[in-house]
Amino acid sequence: MTEQKRIPRMCGIDQIAEMFGISRYYARQLALSGKVAAVRVGRGKILVNADSVAAFFDDARIGSESQESPRIIPIPRAL
């Protein structure tokens, strides 16, 4: 039997903001900074991995230093 790969749930900035109760600006900054997994899929369109946002908030603590994953590379602002 072949191993099935799990397809990540990708959402637009507006969907992520609504899903997690954050502003569109903050959702975009999380993606652009590389704190969550995201990909650019056209001019100005960014898709964000919803599971990585959930993991980011699960690990977030008030007053703690943010620890970025070394595997996540920030999205370049210009193509």
N, C-alpha and C. Protein backbone atom coordinates (compact mmCIF):
# COMPACT_ATOMS: atom_id res chain seq x y z
N MET A 1 0.85 -1.18 0.00
CA MET A 1 0.00 0.00 0.00
C MET A 1 0.89 1.25 0.00
N THR A 2 0.56 2.23 -0.81
CA THR A 2 1.37 3.44 -0.89
C THR A 2 1.01 4.41 0.23
N GLU A 3 2.00 5.16 0.62
CA GLU A 3 1.79 6.13 1.69
C GLU A 3 1.13 7.38 1.12
N GLN A 4 0.04 7.83 1.74
CA GLN A 4 -0.63 9.04 1.28
C GLN A 4 0.00 10.24 1.95
N LYS A 5 0.26 11.26 1.14
CA LYS A 5 0.78 12.51 1.69
C LYS A 5 -0.38 13.39 2.09
N ARG A 6 -0.20 14.07 3.20
CA ARG A 6 -1.23 14.97 3.70
C ARG A 6 -1.10 16.31 3.00
N ILE A 7 -2.18 16.76 2.38
CA ILE A 7 -2.18 18.05 1.70
C ILE A 7 -2.50 19.13 2.73
N PRO A 8 -1.62 20.14 2.84
CA PRO A 8 -1.87 21.19 3.84
C PRO A 8 -3.09 22.04 3.49
N ARG A 9 -3.75 22.53 4.52
CA ARG A 9 -4.91 23.42 4.32
C ARG A 9 -4.38 24.84 4.17
N MET A 10 -4.48 25.36 2.96
CA MET A 10 -3.98 26.69 2.66
C MET A 10 -5.16 27.65 2.53
N CYS A 11 -5.00 28.84 3.12
CA CYS A 11 -6.06 29.84 3.11
C CYS A 11 -5.47 31.20 2.76
N GLY A 12 -6.31 32.06 2.22
CA GLY A 12 -5.90 33.43 1.94
C GLY A 12 -5.78 34.24 3.23
N ILE A 13 -5.18 35.41 3.11
CA ILE A 13 -4.97 36.29 4.27
C ILE A 13 -6.29 36.61 4.96
N ASP A 14 -7.32 36.95 4.18
CA ASP A 14 -8.63 37.29 4.77
C ASP A 14 -9.21 36.12 5.55
N GLN A 15 -9.11 34.91 5.00
CA GLN A 15 -9.64 33.72 5.68
C GLN A 15 -8.88 33.45 6.98
N ILE A 16 -7.56 33.58 6.94
CA ILE A 16 -6.74 33.35 8.14
C ILE A 16 -7.11 34.37 9.22
N ALA A 17 -7.23 35.63 8.82
CA ALA A 17 -7.58 36.68 9.78
C ALA A 17 -8.91 36.39 10.46
N GLU A 18 -9.90 35.99 9.67
CA GLU A 18 -11.22 35.68 10.23
C GLU A 18 -11.18 34.42 11.10
N MET A 19 -10.48 33.40 10.62
CA MET A 19 -10.42 32.11 11.31
C MET A 19 -9.79 32.24 12.71
N PHE A 20 -8.74 33.08 12.82
CA PHE A 20 -8.02 33.19 14.08
C PHE A 20 -8.32 34.47 14.85
N GLY A 21 -9.22 35.29 14.33
CA GLY A 21 -9.62 36.51 15.05
C GLY A 21 -8.51 37.54 15.14
N ILE A 22 -7.73 37.66 14.06
CA ILE A 22 -6.64 38.64 14.03
C ILE A 22 -6.89 39.59 12.86
N SER A 23 -6.15 40.69 12.82
CA SER A 23 -6.32 41.63 11.72
C SER A 23 -5.67 41.08 10.45
N ARG A 24 -6.13 41.58 9.31
CA ARG A 24 -5.53 41.20 8.03
C ARG A 24 -4.06 41.60 8.00
N TYR A 25 -3.77 42.78 8.56
CA TYR A 25 -2.39 43.26 8.59
C TYR A 25 -1.49 42.28 9.36
N TYR A 26 -1.94 41.84 10.54
CA TYR A 26 -1.13 40.93 11.36
C TYR A 26 -0.97 39.57 10.66
N ALA A 27 -2.02 39.09 10.03
CA ALA A 27 -1.94 37.82 9.30
C ALA A 27 -0.91 37.92 8.18
N ARG A 28 -0.93 39.03 7.47
CA ARG A 28 0.04 39.24 6.39
C ARG A 28 1.47 39.35 6.93
N GLN A 29 1.64 40.04 8.05
CA GLN A 29 2.97 40.18 8.64
C GLN A 29 3.52 38.84 9.11
N LEU A 30 2.67 37.99 9.67
CA LEU A 30 3.12 36.65 10.07
C LEU A 30 3.64 35.88 8.86
N ALA A 31 2.93 36.00 7.73
CA ALA A 31 3.34 35.30 6.52
C ALA A 31 4.64 35.89 5.95
N LEU A 32 4.71 37.21 5.83
CA LEU A 32 5.88 37.85 5.23
C LEU A 32 7.14 37.69 6.09
N SER A 33 6.97 37.61 7.39
CA SER A 33 8.13 37.49 8.28
C SER A 33 8.66 36.06 8.35
N GLY A 34 7.87 35.10 7.88
CA GLY A 34 8.31 33.71 7.94
C GLY A 34 7.96 33.03 9.25
N LYS A 35 7.17 33.67 10.10
CA LYS A 35 6.78 33.05 11.37
C LYS A 35 5.78 31.93 11.17
N VAL A 36 5.07 31.95 10.03
CA VAL A 36 4.16 30.87 9.65
C VAL A 36 4.48 30.49 8.21
N ALA A 37 4.13 29.27 7.83
CA ALA A 37 4.40 28.80 6.47
C ALA A 37 3.41 29.45 5.50
N ALA A 38 3.94 30.00 4.41
CA ALA A 38 3.10 30.66 3.41
C ALA A 38 3.81 30.63 2.06
N VAL A 39 3.01 30.76 1.02
CA VAL A 39 3.56 30.82 -0.34
C VAL A 39 2.87 31.93 -1.11
N ARG A 40 3.60 32.52 -2.03
CA ARG A 40 3.03 33.54 -2.91
C ARG A 40 2.55 32.82 -4.17
N VAL A 41 1.31 33.05 -4.57
CA VAL A 41 0.73 32.35 -5.71
C VAL A 41 0.23 33.31 -6.79
N GLY A 42 0.95 34.34 -6.99
CA GLY A 42 0.56 35.32 -8.00
C GLY A 42 0.93 36.71 -7.50
N ARG A 43 0.48 37.68 -8.23
CA ARG A 43 0.78 39.06 -7.83
C ARG A 43 -0.04 39.45 -6.61
N GLY A 44 0.62 39.57 -5.49
CA GLY A 44 -0.04 40.00 -4.27
C GLY A 44 -0.84 38.94 -3.53
N LYS A 45 -1.04 37.77 -4.12
CA LYS A 45 -1.83 36.71 -3.47
C LYS A 45 -0.91 35.82 -2.65
N ILE A 46 -1.23 35.69 -1.37
CA ILE A 46 -0.46 34.85 -0.46
C ILE A 46 -1.39 33.81 0.13
N LEU A 47 -0.97 32.57 0.10
CA LEU A 47 -1.70 31.49 0.77
C LEU A 47 -0.91 31.08 2.00
N VAL A 48 -1.61 30.95 3.12
CA VAL A 48 -0.99 30.65 4.40
C VAL A 48 -1.43 29.27 4.86
N ASN A 49 -0.51 28.51 5.40
CA ASN A 49 -0.80 27.19 5.94
C ASN A 49 -1.51 27.39 7.29
N ALA A 50 -2.78 27.03 7.35
CA ALA A 50 -3.59 27.25 8.56
C ALA A 50 -3.04 26.48 9.76
N ASP A 51 -2.49 25.29 9.53
CA ASP A 51 -1.95 24.51 10.64
C ASP A 51 -0.73 25.19 11.26
N SER A 52 0.08 25.87 10.43
CA SER A 52 1.25 26.56 10.97
C SER A 52 0.85 27.77 11.80
N VAL A 53 -0.27 28.42 11.42
CA VAL A 53 -0.77 29.55 12.22
C VAL A 53 -1.28 29.03 13.57
N ALA A 54 -2.00 27.92 13.55
CA ALA A 54 -2.48 27.32 14.80
C ALA A 54 -1.30 26.94 15.69
N ALA A 55 -0.26 26.36 15.11
CA ALA A 55 0.93 25.97 15.88
C ALA A 55 1.63 27.21 16.44
N PHE A 56 1.66 28.29 15.65
CA PHE A 56 2.27 29.55 16.11
C PHE A 56 1.56 30.05 17.35
N PHE A 57 0.23 30.06 17.32
CA PHE A 57 -0.52 30.54 18.49
C PHE A 57 -0.49 29.54 19.64
N ASP A 58 -0.38 28.27 19.36
CA ASP A 58 -0.25 27.27 20.43
C ASP A 58 1.04 27.47 21.21
N ASP A 59 2.10 27.87 20.51
CA ASP A 59 3.42 28.05 21.13
C ASP A 59 3.63 29.45 21.68
N ALA A 60 2.73 30.39 21.37
CA ALA A 60 2.90 31.79 21.78
C ALA A 60 2.67 31.96 23.28
N ARG A 61 3.52 32.73 23.89
CA ARG A 61 3.40 33.05 25.31
C ARG A 61 3.66 34.54 25.49
N ILE A 62 2.94 35.19 26.36
CA ILE A 62 3.16 36.61 26.62
C ILE A 62 4.51 36.76 27.31
N GLY A 63 5.31 37.69 26.78
CA GLY A 63 6.60 37.98 27.39
C GLY A 63 7.72 37.04 26.97
N SER A 64 7.45 36.06 26.14
CA SER A 64 8.53 35.16 25.72
C SER A 64 9.09 35.61 24.38
N GLU A 65 10.32 35.25 24.14
CA GLU A 65 10.95 35.54 22.86
C GLU A 65 10.34 34.64 21.80
N SER A 66 10.07 35.18 20.61
CA SER A 66 9.53 34.33 19.55
C SER A 66 10.65 33.47 19.00
N GLN A 67 10.33 32.22 18.75
CA GLN A 67 11.31 31.29 18.22
C GLN A 67 10.86 30.89 16.83
N GLU A 68 11.56 31.41 15.81
CA GLU A 68 11.20 31.09 14.44
C GLU A 68 11.77 29.74 14.07
N SER A 69 11.01 29.01 13.30
CA SER A 69 11.46 27.72 12.81
C SER A 69 12.53 27.93 11.75
N PRO A 70 13.65 27.23 11.82
CA PRO A 70 14.71 27.43 10.83
C PRO A 70 14.32 26.92 9.44
N ARG A 71 13.25 26.12 9.34
CA ARG A 71 12.83 25.59 8.05
C ARG A 71 11.97 26.57 7.26
N ILE A 72 11.44 27.59 7.90
CA ILE A 72 10.55 28.51 7.23
C ILE A 72 11.35 29.72 6.75
N ILE A 73 11.25 30.01 5.45
CA ILE A 73 11.97 31.13 4.86
C ILE A 73 10.97 32.23 4.55
N PRO A 74 11.26 33.49 4.97
CA PRO A 74 10.31 34.58 4.69
C PRO A 74 10.06 34.75 3.19
N ILE A 75 8.86 35.20 2.86
CA ILE A 75 8.48 35.47 1.47
C ILE A 75 9.14 36.78 1.05
N PRO A 76 9.82 36.81 -0.10
CA PRO A 76 10.39 38.09 -0.55
C PRO A 76 9.27 39.07 -0.89
N ARG A 77 9.47 40.33 -0.54
CA ARG A 77 8.42 41.34 -0.76
C ARG A 77 8.23 41.65 -2.24
N ALA A 78 9.28 41.62 -3.03
CA ALA A 78 9.17 41.90 -4.46
C ALA A 78 9.57 40.65 -5.25
N LEU A 79 8.89 40.42 -6.34
CA LEU A 79 9.23 39.26 -7.18
C LEU A 79 10.30 39.61 -8.16
